[in-house]
């Protein structure tokens, strides 16, 4: 799946508006606003966000990654997704790269 950096915050905002705020587009908040401090997302909403992120972007969220540094604003969550996508792309390239004769012990 090809995702651009601009798509991620937009998709996160859309999900929050339609699934956690139940379509309340009147709530204005900045991408850096804390979900928890502003009451945008509660603890159950974070779990729903995890499910959305995993399904939407094809990434896996480890328990130790469920921190405010990763999940407490549109900006933080977008940056987290971008890092995970970059790591997954890097791992995919490394797995798909052919082994050289040196790596195989040949000369």
C-alpha atoms as a PDB file:
ATOM      1  CA  UNK A   1       0.000   0.000   0.000  1.00  0.00           C
ATOM      2  CA  UNK A   2       1.413   3.392  -1.021  1.00  0.00           C
ATOM      3  CA  UNK A   3       0.809   5.992   1.673  1.00  0.00           C
ATOM      4  CA  UNK A   4       2.136   9.547   1.538  1.00  0.00           C
ATOM      5  CA  UNK A   5       3.056  11.608   4.577  1.00  0.00           C
ATOM      6  CA  UNK A   6       0.079  13.901   3.886  1.00  0.00           C
ATOM      7  CA  UNK A   7      -2.370  10.997   3.831  1.00  0.00           C
ATOM      8  CA  UNK A   8      -1.614   9.768   7.336  1.00  0.00           C
ATOM      9  CA  UNK A   9      -2.796  12.787   9.373  1.00  0.00           C
ATOM     10  CA  UNK A  10      -5.832  13.150   7.105  1.00  0.00           C
ATOM     11  CA  UNK A  11      -6.824   9.505   7.585  1.00  0.00           C
ATOM     12  CA  UNK A  12      -6.290   9.728  11.346  1.00  0.00           C
ATOM     13  CA  UNK A  13      -8.430  12.883  11.600  1.00  0.00           C
ATOM     14  CA  UNK A  14     -11.152  11.300   9.457  1.00  0.00           C
ATOM     15  CA  UNK A  15     -11.205   8.170  11.634  1.00  0.00           C
ATOM     16  CA  UNK A  16     -11.340  10.176  14.861  1.00  0.00           C
ATOM     17  CA  UNK A  17     -14.124  12.441  13.587  1.00  0.00           C
ATOM     18  CA  UNK A  18     -16.322   9.664  12.259  1.00  0.00           C
ATOM     19  CA  UNK A  19     -15.631   6.872  14.741  1.00  0.00           C
ATOM     20  CA  UNK A  20     -14.639   8.441  18.040  1.00  0.00           C
ATOM     21  CA  UNK A  21     -16.382  11.825  17.863  1.00  0.00           C
ATOM     22  CA  UNK A  22     -19.331  10.335  15.980  1.00  0.00           C
ATOM     23  CA  UNK A  23     -19.204  12.871  13.165  1.00  0.00           C
ATOM     24  CA  UNK A  24     -18.856  15.940  15.398  1.00  0.00           C
ATOM     25  CA  UNK A  25     -16.916  18.125  12.973  1.00  0.00           C
ATOM     26  CA  UNK A  26     -17.531  21.137  15.230  1.00  0.00           C
ATOM     27  CA  UNK A  27     -14.720  20.152  17.587  1.00  0.00           C
ATOM     28  CA  UNK A  28     -11.736  22.158  16.392  1.00  0.00           C
ATOM     29  CA  UNK A  29      -8.309  20.980  17.445  1.00  0.00           C
ATOM     30  CA  UNK A  30      -4.758  21.338  16.191  1.00  0.00           C
ATOM     31  CA  UNK A  31      -2.681  18.376  15.080  1.00  0.00           C
ATOM     32  CA  UNK A  32      -0.434  18.915  18.119  1.00  0.00           C
ATOM     33  CA  UNK A  33      -3.278  19.015  20.664  1.00  0.00           C
ATOM     34  CA  UNK A  34      -3.209  16.217  23.217  1.00  0.00           C
ATOM     35  CA  UNK A  35      -6.015  13.723  22.645  1.00  0.00           C
ATOM     36  CA  UNK A  36      -6.317  12.981  26.353  1.00  0.00           C
ATOM     37  CA  UNK A  37      -5.984  16.542  27.688  1.00  0.00           C
ATOM     38  CA  UNK A  38      -8.573  17.861  25.219  1.00  0.00           C
ATOM     39  CA  UNK A  39     -10.922  14.909  25.742  1.00  0.00           C
ATOM     40  CA  UNK A  40     -10.720  14.002  22.066  1.00  0.00           C
ATOM     41  CA  UNK A  41      -9.793  10.357  22.685  1.00  0.00           C
ATOM     42  CA  UNK A  42     -10.219   8.414  25.923  1.00  0.00           C
ATOM     43  CA  UNK A  43      -8.432   5.207  26.924  1.00  0.00           C
ATOM     44  CA  UNK A  44     -10.915   3.027  25.047  1.00  0.00           C
ATOM     45  CA  UNK A  45     -10.495   5.293  22.024  1.00  0.00           C
ATOM     46  CA  UNK A  46      -6.750   4.629  22.093  1.00  0.00           C
ATOM     47  CA  UNK A  47      -7.458   0.907  21.752  1.00  0.00           C
ATOM     48  CA  UNK A  48      -9.765   1.666  18.831  1.00  0.00           C
ATOM     49  CA  UNK A  49      -7.040   3.827  17.281  1.00  0.00           C
ATOM     50  CA  UNK A  50      -4.579   0.939  17.577  1.00  0.00           C
ATOM     51  CA  UNK A  51      -6.963  -1.365  15.704  1.00  0.00           C
ATOM     52  CA  UNK A  52      -7.502   1.285  13.034  1.00  0.00           C
ATOM     53  CA  UNK A  53      -3.767   1.976  12.598  1.00  0.00           C
ATOM     54  CA  UNK A  54      -2.943  -1.725  12.322  1.00  0.00           C
ATOM     55  CA  UNK A  55      -5.682  -2.377   9.770  1.00  0.00           C
ATOM     56  CA  UNK A  56      -5.346   0.831   7.775  1.00  0.00           C
ATOM     57  CA  UNK A  57      -1.570   0.925   7.449  1.00  0.00           C
ATOM     58  CA  UNK A  58      -0.684  -2.747   7.791  1.00  0.00           C
ATOM     59  CA  UNK A  59       1.563  -2.286  10.788  1.00  0.00           C
ATOM     60  CA  UNK A  60       1.727  -4.043  14.120  1.00  0.00           C
ATOM     61  CA  UNK A  61       1.647  -2.036  17.352  1.00  0.00           C
ATOM     62  CA  UNK A  62       3.569  -3.590  20.230  1.00  0.00           C
ATOM     63  CA  UNK A  63       2.336  -3.071  23.786  1.00  0.00           C
ATOM     64  CA  UNK A  64       5.458  -1.110  24.733  1.00  0.00           C
ATOM     65  CA  UNK A  65       4.724   1.348  21.902  1.00  0.00           C
ATOM     66  CA  UNK A  66       1.387   2.399  23.441  1.00  0.00           C
ATOM     67  CA  UNK A  67       2.750   5.586  24.943  1.00  0.00           C
ATOM     68  CA  UNK A  68       1.680   9.240  24.863  1.00  0.00           C
ATOM     69  CA  UNK A  69       4.809   9.901  22.793  1.00  0.00           C
ATOM     70  CA  UNK A  70       3.249   7.791  20.010  1.00  0.00           C
ATOM     71  CA  UNK A  71      -0.526   8.058  20.506  1.00  0.00           C
ATOM     72  CA  UNK A  72      -1.464  11.417  22.071  1.00  0.00           C
ATOM     73  CA  UNK A  73      -1.961  13.711  19.057  1.00  0.00           C
ATOM     74  CA  UNK A  74      -2.469  13.586  15.330  1.00  0.00           C
ATOM     75  CA  UNK A  75       1.143  14.698  14.848  1.00  0.00           C
ATOM     76  CA  UNK A  76       2.614  12.115  17.226  1.00  0.00           C
ATOM     77  CA  UNK A  77       0.505   9.320  15.804  1.00  0.00           C
ATOM     78  CA  UNK A  78       1.333  10.316  12.212  1.00  0.00           C
ATOM     79  CA  UNK A  79       5.045  10.363  13.000  1.00  0.00           C
ATOM     80  CA  UNK A  80       4.761   6.981  14.690  1.00  0.00           C
ATOM     81  CA  UNK A  81       2.989   5.497  11.655  1.00  0.00           C
ATOM     82  CA  UNK A  82       5.607   6.999   9.320  1.00  0.00           C
ATOM     83  CA  UNK A  83       8.433   5.454  11.388  1.00  0.00           C
ATOM     84  CA  UNK A  84       6.725   2.060  11.419  1.00  0.00           C
ATOM     85  CA  UNK A  85       6.081   2.179   7.666  1.00  0.00           C
ATOM     86  CA  UNK A  86       9.703   3.167   7.017  1.00  0.00           C
ATOM     87  CA  UNK A  87      10.958   0.337   9.257  1.00  0.00           C
ATOM     88  CA  UNK A  88       8.658  -2.157   7.531  1.00  0.00           C
ATOM     89  CA  UNK A  89       9.827  -0.977   4.094  1.00  0.00           C
ATOM     90  CA  UNK A  90      13.456  -1.258   5.187  1.00  0.00           C
ATOM     91  CA  UNK A  91      12.899  -4.759   6.579  1.00  0.00           C
ATOM     92  CA  UNK A  92      11.073  -5.831   3.398  1.00  0.00           C
ATOM     93  CA  UNK A  93      13.935  -4.628   1.197  1.00  0.00           C
ATOM     94  CA  UNK A  94      16.472  -6.391   3.420  1.00  0.00           C
ATOM     95  CA  UNK A  95      14.510  -9.648   3.268  1.00  0.00           C
ATOM     96  CA  UNK A  96      14.036  -9.444  -0.492  1.00  0.00           C
ATOM     97  CA  UNK A  97      17.630  -8.480  -1.290  1.00  0.00           C
ATOM     98  CA  UNK A  98      19.559 -11.312  -2.931  1.00  0.00           C
ATOM     99  CA  UNK A  99      22.427 -12.766  -0.993  1.00  0.00           C
ATOM    100  CA  UNK A 100      25.818 -12.076  -2.516  1.00  0.00           C
ATOM    101  CA  UNK A 101      28.400 -14.790  -2.977  1.00  0.00           C
ATOM    102  CA  UNK A 102      30.362 -13.168  -0.139  1.00  0.00           C
ATOM    103  CA  UNK A 103      27.380 -13.512   2.186  1.00  0.00           C
ATOM    104  CA  UNK A 104      27.125 -17.145   1.138  1.00  0.00           C
ATOM    105  CA  UNK A 105      30.771 -17.749   1.938  1.00  0.00           C
ATOM    106  CA  UNK A 106      31.831 -17.895  -1.712  1.00  0.00           C
ATOM    107  CA  UNK A 107      34.639 -15.996  -3.328  1.00  0.00           C
END
